[in-house]
């Protein structure tokens, strides 16, 4: 069987295929899927077994194929602008010096090769972030700077003071990375069940924010700010029909009592009043409690809630 040769066309074909498989970059890949990936009838592993940088052996493969960053692992990136990240060099564990695996990623800076970028929110789960270009590397500080090439982010666009462009890129990154990442860390932490009704169907669950993104102090998309909720209870929580106090006790807004009584209303909402939600993931009780309390105070102050259609 003929060995795959590197080309920009092949890299874009792989990206396009992955984008379709991941439902426009919202669904995750497993470790096995990426290790056993194939294209044109030939196997082409997209991640390394132990390294963050995926380099392919072969005379035409001068540039790294992919990089992986993880939630709290050795290769953890940091965002410096919408669609732009600092990615660390791979270093030798004994000396801290740069390893040889960085050479092909450095080469990608000069060649302009597009590199697949994956984010791992938890073990053996990977989200496709996009195709990036290496726009700079710093051997002294052992850092690469990468930017989303498939969104057209270049050094030139980075220097432009274009608020509309930055907002658009931020929305794209949020849809590709932040929302799927939040879902992947929150729902498994609650054992794939709704924290209110215990519905055990992951496809019907959503990762709900306790505090909204606009709350700069408490609204970060981290595990302590998340609840796994079914769609109905997520909407009820966001609209203050359903409140949860700091002790995890469920309350119903007075407006619910104005609705026409029905068995469905009892089953979906009223039956849970006074009950406790599922316990917080280990070690997060206090951090979740303060966020629940803040939102519960807003629930108590909600004199009008939306009961309309839509």
Protein backbone atom coordinates (compact mmCIF):
# COMPACT_ATOMS: atom_id res chain seq x y z
CA UNK A 1 0.00 0.00 0.00
CA UNK A 2 1.38 3.45 -0.95
CA UNK A 3 2.43 5.57 2.01
CA UNK A 4 0.63 8.88 2.42
CA UNK A 5 2.67 11.90 1.44
CA UNK A 6 2.29 15.20 3.22
CA UNK A 7 0.59 18.11 1.47
CA UNK A 8 -1.60 21.05 2.33
CA UNK A 9 -4.38 19.41 0.35
CA UNK A 10 -4.18 16.29 2.54
CA UNK A 11 -4.21 18.35 5.75
CA UNK A 12 -7.33 20.23 4.63
CA UNK A 13 -8.97 16.94 3.62
CA UNK A 14 -8.33 15.54 7.09
CA UNK A 15 -9.67 18.70 8.72
CA UNK A 16 -12.79 18.73 6.55
CA UNK A 17 -13.44 15.06 7.32
CA UNK A 18 -12.98 15.58 11.07
CA UNK A 19 -15.21 18.64 11.00
CA UNK A 20 -18.03 16.63 9.44
CA UNK A 21 -17.55 13.69 11.82
CA UNK A 22 -17.65 16.00 14.84
CA UNK A 23 -20.90 17.69 13.79
CA UNK A 24 -19.22 20.97 12.95
CA UNK A 25 -16.71 20.65 15.78
CA UNK A 26 -19.16 20.21 18.66
CA UNK A 27 -18.89 16.45 19.29
CA UNK A 28 -15.73 14.89 20.76
CA UNK A 29 -13.44 12.17 19.46
CA UNK A 30 -12.15 9.28 21.51
CA UNK A 31 -8.46 8.47 21.82
CA UNK A 32 -8.97 5.29 19.82
CA UNK A 33 -10.67 7.16 16.98
CA UNK A 34 -7.74 9.51 16.56
CA UNK A 35 -5.06 6.84 16.98
CA UNK A 36 -6.75 4.64 14.38
CA UNK A 37 -7.79 7.38 11.96
CA UNK A 38 -7.48 6.55 8.27
CA UNK A 39 -7.90 8.47 5.05
CA UNK A 40 -7.72 7.29 1.44
CA UNK A 41 -7.61 3.74 2.79
CA UNK A 42 -4.44 4.32 4.80
CA UNK A 43 -4.00 4.66 8.56
CA UNK A 44 -2.81 8.06 9.73
CA UNK A 45 -2.77 8.44 13.53
CA UNK A 46 -3.59 12.03 14.41
CA UNK A 47 -2.24 12.06 17.97
CA UNK A 48 0.85 10.66 19.61
CA UNK A 49 0.66 7.96 22.26
CA UNK A 50 2.38 10.09 24.89
CA UNK A 51 3.44 13.43 23.41
CA UNK A 52 1.51 16.63 22.77
CA UNK A 53 3.08 17.07 19.32
CA UNK A 54 2.22 14.55 16.58
CA UNK A 55 5.06 14.12 14.11
CA UNK A 56 4.80 11.66 11.22
CA UNK A 57 7.86 9.75 10.06
CA UNK A 58 8.62 9.99 6.36
CA UNK A 59 10.67 11.98 3.89
CA UNK A 60 7.80 14.33 2.94
CA UNK A 61 6.65 15.03 6.51
CA UNK A 62 8.75 18.03 7.46
CA UNK A 63 6.08 19.69 9.62
CA UNK A 64 4.12 18.52 12.65
CA UNK A 65 0.69 17.15 11.81
CA UNK A 66 -1.13 17.97 15.06
CA UNK A 67 -0.79 19.33 18.57
CA UNK A 68 -2.83 18.48 21.66
CA UNK A 69 -3.45 20.58 24.74
CA UNK A 70 -5.10 19.19 27.87
CA UNK A 71 -7.19 20.56 30.71
CA UNK A 72 -4.59 20.29 33.44
CA UNK A 73 -1.86 18.26 31.84
CA UNK A 74 1.72 18.82 30.86
CA UNK A 75 0.83 20.56 27.60
CA UNK A 76 -1.59 23.22 28.74
CA UNK A 77 -2.02 26.26 26.50
CA UNK A 78 -3.13 29.76 27.37
CA UNK A 79 -5.19 32.17 25.30
CA UNK A 80 -3.66 35.57 24.56
CA UNK A 81 -6.30 36.82 22.08
CA UNK A 82 -9.43 35.43 20.40
CA UNK A 83 -8.23 32.46 18.33
CA UNK A 84 -4.59 32.79 19.46
CA UNK A 85 -2.80 30.63 22.02
CA UNK A 86 0.61 30.13 23.57
CA UNK A 87 1.56 26.46 23.29
CA UNK A 88 4.50 25.09 25.33
CA UNK A 89 7.53 23.34 23.92
CA UNK A 90 7.93 19.69 24.76
CA UNK A 91 10.79 19.46 27.24
CA UNK A 92 12.99 16.70 28.58
CA UNK A 93 11.84 15.66 32.04
CA UNK A 94 15.35 15.44 33.50
CA UNK A 95 16.87 18.66 32.15
CA UNK A 96 13.88 20.83 31.19
CA UNK A 97 15.52 21.45 27.82
CA UNK A 98 13.58 21.46 24.56
CA UNK A 99 13.11 18.01 23.07
CA UNK A 100 13.72 17.03 19.45
CA UNK A 101 9.98 16.70 18.81
CA UNK A 102 9.70 20.51 18.63
CA UNK A 103 11.80 20.76 15.46
CA UNK A 104 8.98 19.96 13.04
CA UNK A 105 6.63 22.40 14.77
CA UNK A 106 9.31 25.07 14.47
CA UNK A 107 9.63 24.18 10.79
CA UNK A 108 5.90 24.79 10.36
CA UNK A 109 6.52 28.43 11.28
CA UNK A 110 8.61 28.94 8.15
CA UNK A 111 6.68 26.67 5.79
CA UNK A 112 3.24 27.95 6.78
CA UNK A 113 1.95 24.40 7.13
CA UNK A 114 -1.45 24.03 8.74
CA UNK A 115 -1.46 21.99 11.96
CA UNK A 116 -4.46 20.25 13.52
CA UNK A 117 -5.24 21.50 17.01
CA UNK A 118 -7.01 19.27 19.57
CA UNK A 119 -8.12 20.04 23.10
CA UNK A 120 -8.55 17.29 25.69
CA UNK A 121 -11.02 18.33 28.44
CA UNK A 122 -10.70 14.96 30.19
CA UNK A 123 -8.82 11.72 29.77
CA UNK A 124 -9.15 10.04 26.35
CA UNK A 125 -11.61 12.67 25.04
CA UNK A 126 -10.60 15.19 22.38
CA UNK A 127 -12.26 18.23 20.80
CA UNK A 128 -11.19 19.53 17.40
CA UNK A 129 -10.38 23.22 17.77
CA UNK A 130 -9.32 23.82 14.19
CA UNK A 131 -6.36 24.22 11.87
CA UNK A 132 -3.68 26.53 13.19
CA UNK A 133 -0.57 28.19 11.88
CA UNK A 134 2.54 28.58 14.00
CA UNK A 135 3.05 32.33 13.83
CA UNK A 136 6.01 32.54 16.22
CA UNK A 137 8.27 30.46 18.38
CA UNK A 138 10.42 31.50 21.31
CA UNK A 139 13.26 29.12 22.19
CA UNK A 140 14.31 31.17 25.19
CA UNK A 141 10.89 30.89 26.89
CA UNK A 142 10.07 27.56 25.22
CA UNK A 143 6.79 28.75 23.72
CA UNK A 144 5.00 28.63 20.39
CA UNK A 145 2.30 31.08 19.34
CA UNK A 146 -0.44 29.49 17.22
CA UNK A 147 -3.47 31.08 15.57
CA UNK A 148 -6.60 29.65 13.97
CA UNK A 149 -5.77 29.58 10.28
CA UNK A 150 -9.14 28.27 9.15
CA UNK A 151 -10.67 31.49 10.55
CA UNK A 152 -8.12 33.60 8.70
CA UNK A 153 -6.21 34.74 11.80
CA UNK A 154 -2.79 36.04 10.74
CA UNK A 155 -0.21 38.42 12.24
CA UNK A 156 -1.74 41.14 10.05
CA UNK A 157 -5.27 40.63 11.36
CA UNK A 158 -3.95 40.43 14.92
CA UNK A 159 -2.51 43.91 14.57
CA UNK A 160 -5.79 45.38 13.32
CA UNK A 161 -7.99 47.18 15.82
CA UNK A 162 -11.18 45.57 14.52
CA UNK A 163 -13.73 45.03 17.29
CA UNK A 164 -16.18 43.28 14.97
CA UNK A 165 -13.53 40.77 13.87
CA UNK A 166 -12.55 40.03 17.46
CA UNK A 167 -16.21 39.50 18.45
CA UNK A 168 -16.74 37.13 15.51
CA UNK A 169 -13.63 35.11 16.32
CA UNK A 170 -14.61 34.98 20.00
CA UNK A 171 -18.05 33.60 19.06
CA UNK A 172 -16.46 30.97 16.83
CA UNK A 173 -13.99 29.87 19.51
CA UNK A 174 -16.81 29.76 22.06
CA UNK A 175 -18.88 27.49 19.82
CA UNK A 176 -15.92 25.25 18.94
CA UNK A 177 -14.11 25.03 22.24
CA UNK A 178 -15.65 26.62 25.30
CA UNK A 179 -19.19 25.26 25.03
CA UNK A 180 -18.21 21.68 24.06
CA UNK A 181 -15.44 21.71 26.70
CA UNK A 182 -17.87 22.84 29.40
CA UNK A 183 -20.26 20.06 28.45
CA UNK A 184 -17.50 17.44 28.51
CA UNK A 185 -16.35 18.35 32.03
CA UNK A 186 -19.75 18.99 33.65
CA UNK A 187 -22.06 16.18 32.50
CA UNK A 188 -19.71 13.23 33.29
CA UNK A 189 -18.95 14.82 36.69
CA UNK A 190 -22.64 14.45 37.53
CA UNK A 191 -22.63 10.82 36.40
CA UNK A 192 -24.47 11.62 33.16
CA UNK A 193 -27.70 12.43 34.99
CA UNK A 194 -29.81 15.56 35.46
CA UNK A 195 -29.04 16.98 38.89
CA UNK A 196 -32.76 17.71 39.45
CA UNK A 197 -34.67 14.73 38.05
CA UNK A 198 -31.87 12.15 37.53
CA UNK A 199 -32.74 11.68 33.85
CA UNK A 200 -29.90 9.31 32.72
CA UNK A 201 -29.82 10.16 29.00
CA UNK A 202 -26.66 12.17 28.17
CA UNK A 203 -27.98 13.27 24.76
CA UNK A 204 -30.88 15.02 26.53
CA UNK A 205 -28.65 16.76 29.08
CA UNK A 206 -27.06 20.19 28.91
CA UNK A 207 -24.28 21.86 30.86
CA UNK A 208 -25.93 24.76 32.63
CA UNK A 209 -24.06 27.75 34.04
CA UNK A 210 -24.91 28.58 37.64
CA UNK A 211 -23.49 32.07 37.15
CA UNK A 212 -23.59 33.64 33.68
CA UNK A 213 -20.50 34.48 31.63
CA UNK A 214 -21.08 38.19 32.27
CA UNK A 215 -20.31 37.61 35.96
CA UNK A 216 -16.57 38.16 35.76
CA UNK A 217 -15.96 37.06 39.35
CA UNK A 218 -17.97 33.83 39.47
CA UNK A 219 -19.03 33.07 35.90
CA UNK A 220 -16.03 31.20 34.51
CA UNK A 221 -16.93 28.01 32.58
CA UNK A 222 -15.37 25.71 35.19
CA UNK A 223 -16.79 22.63 36.87
CA UNK A 224 -17.78 24.42 40.08
CA UNK A 225 -19.97 26.75 37.99
CA UNK A 226 -21.81 23.98 36.18
CA UNK A 227 -24.85 21.76 36.63
CA UNK A 228 -25.94 18.88 34.45
CA UNK A 229 -29.60 19.58 33.69
CA UNK A 230 -32.13 18.15 31.29
CA UNK A 231 -33.45 20.65 28.76
CA UNK A 232 -36.67 21.39 30.65
CA UNK A 233 -34.99 22.00 33.99
CA UNK A 234 -32.21 24.03 32.35
CA UNK A 235 -34.75 26.41 30.88
CA UNK A 236 -36.73 26.52 34.11
CA UNK A 237 -33.54 27.39 36.01
CA UNK A 238 -32.42 30.08 33.56
CA UNK A 239 -35.91 31.68 33.60
CA UNK A 240 -36.13 31.60 37.42
CA UNK A 241 -39.12 29.28 37.42
CA UNK A 242 -36.92 26.93 39.41
CA UNK A 243 -34.45 28.08 42.04
CA UNK A 244 -31.74 26.18 43.90
CA UNK A 245 -30.42 27.54 47.18
CA UNK A 246 -26.89 27.18 48.50
CA UNK A 247 -27.77 23.96 50.31
CA UNK A 248 -28.98 22.44 47.04
CA UNK A 249 -32.70 22.61 47.92
CA UNK A 250 -35.06 23.12 44.97
CA UNK A 251 -37.70 25.89 45.06
CA UNK A 252 -40.47 26.89 42.65
CA UNK A 253 -41.39 30.47 41.78
CA UNK A 254 -44.86 31.60 42.88
CA UNK A 255 -45.74 32.09 39.22
CA UNK A 256 -45.74 28.31 38.73
CA UNK A 257 -48.84 28.10 40.95
CA UNK A 258 -50.73 30.30 38.48
CA UNK A 259 -50.42 27.69 35.75
CA UNK A 260 -53.32 25.38 35.09
CA UNK A 261 -52.86 22.26 37.22
CA UNK A 262 -51.89 19.12 35.34
CA UNK A 263 -50.15 15.84 35.93
CA UNK A 264 -47.37 16.97 33.59
CA UNK A 265 -46.77 20.14 35.62
CA UNK A 266 -46.61 18.08 38.78
CA UNK A 267 -44.20 15.58 37.25
CA UNK A 268 -41.88 18.12 35.61
CA UNK A 269 -41.69 20.83 38.30
CA UNK A 270 -43.85 20.69 41.43
CA UNK A 271 -42.77 17.17 42.39
CA UNK A 272 -39.19 18.40 42.94
CA UNK A 273 -39.99 21.37 45.19
CA UNK A 274 -38.23 20.94 48.53
CA UNK A 275 -35.97 18.15 47.30
CA UNK A 276 -32.18 18.30 46.98
CA UNK A 277 -30.20 18.30 43.77
CA UNK A 278 -27.41 15.79 43.24
CA UNK A 279 -24.30 16.33 45.41
CA UNK A 280 -21.48 18.44 44.06
CA UNK A 281 -18.48 16.65 42.54
CA UNK A 282 -15.89 15.83 45.15
CA UNK A 283 -14.17 18.83 46.68
CA UNK A 284 -16.44 21.43 45.05
CA UNK A 285 -19.19 21.83 47.68
CA UNK A 286 -18.12 25.25 48.97
CA UNK A 287 -17.25 26.66 45.56
CA UNK A 288 -20.57 25.50 44.10
CA UNK A 289 -22.50 26.74 47.13
CA UNK A 290 -21.45 30.38 46.79
CA UNK A 291 -22.52 30.41 43.14
CA UNK A 292 -25.84 28.74 43.91
CA UNK A 293 -26.49 31.32 46.63
CA UNK A 294 -25.84 34.23 44.29
CA UNK A 295 -28.25 32.93 41.66
CA UNK A 296 -30.81 31.98 44.32
CA UNK A 297 -30.91 35.60 45.51
CA UNK A 298 -31.74 36.63 41.94
CA UNK A 299 -34.45 33.96 41.90
CA UNK A 300 -35.96 35.40 45.09
CA UNK A 301 -35.90 38.89 43.59
CA UNK A 302 -37.56 37.88 40.31
CA UNK A 303 -40.98 39.55 40.51
CA UNK A 304 -41.81 38.55 36.94
CA UNK A 305 -40.82 35.39 35.13
CA UNK A 306 -41.34 34.47 31.50
CA UNK A 307 -44.11 31.90 31.06
CA UNK A 308 -44.62 32.69 27.39
CA UNK A 309 -44.02 30.49 24.36
CA UNK A 310 -40.48 30.68 22.95
